[in-house]
Amino acid sequence: EESLQMWDLNKRLEAYLARVKFLEEENEVLRAEIQSTKSSPAGDSWRVKYEEELRALRDALDHAFREKCTAELARDNLYEEVQQVKSRCQKEQAAREEAKKELSLSRKELEEERRAQIWLKERAVQLEKEVEALLEVHEEEKAGLDQEIASFSHSLESFRCAPVAFQPVEVEDYSKRLSEIWKGAVETYKTEVSQLEGSLCQAKENLWKAVEDNQQSQLQLQHLEKDLAGLKARKEMLEESLAQQWQEQRREAEKFQLAMEALEQEQQSLRVQIARVLEDRQQLMHLKMSLSLEVATYRTLLEAESTRLQMPAG
């Protein structure tokens, strides 16, 4: 068993020594190549090219980082602009609500004015009917007074033709009474006529006031309609501008998103490359450690074997 183990160890040692010799030869070749490249101008050009590529990669990485920073700044600016647009839209919405409230109030006032105008028209018609009724009553009273005057004149003529059986004092009293009655009737007629004229003038003034109020309400309605049309046009313009801004911001956001995705892909690829380099380096370290451990074990085995072989000879 010991001889088999020794034979196995010898085989492994031979393979290890061959591997070490091969690696030493490769190291010598690499050293010679490194020395030749260092001494030759081609090596300098290769190093310069490598440094230029490394510098270009670093510049590209810095440029990508700057582009990322600018993209983040642009994204923040776009977010701020979106917030400003939202606040502006909220203000426009509040202004539109206020305009709607004012329009509803103006409509209510217009309805009240129309109702008042209708009431004034009805009142004017009633006043005209009352004036017509008063005129009819006046005509009737006038006709009655004419009949009374005619009957009174007829009675006077009969009184003149009658025999003189009355005293002149009674006739004078009767005439005075008749004249007073006539004067009272004339005065009442005049007062009634003046009252009718005053009521007619008042009705005309009320009618004119109603017409003027109607005209003013119509003018106010026209102004409000113009303001409403202007607000509608402004609303449409603001909506169009907002839609255009949203489209532009969406396009820019898509562009920045694509740029960010490209940068993230490049960053991911760089991370993968760095991970590969680190993994290769770690594998080399593990290989070096394993080789050093094998060398140490072989040395201890060889020393032990040499001592064991020397002891019987001694």
Foldseek 3Di string as FASTA:
>chain_A
DVVVVVVVLVVVVVVLVVVVVVVVVVVVVVVVVVVVLVVDVVVVVVVVVVVVVVVVVVVVVVVLVVLLVVLVVVVVVLVVVVVVLVVVVVVLVVVVVVLVVVVVVLVVVLVVLVVVLVVLVVVLVVLVVVLVVLVVVLVVVVVVVVVVVVVVVVVVVVVVVDDPPDDVVVVVVVVVVVVVVVVVVVVVSVVSVVVSVVSNVVSVVSNVVSVVSNVVSVVVVVVSVVVVVVSVVVVVVSVVVVVVSVVVSVVSVVVSVVSVVVSVVVVVVVVVVVVVVVVVVVVVVVVVVVSVVSVVVSVVVVVVVVVVVVVVVD
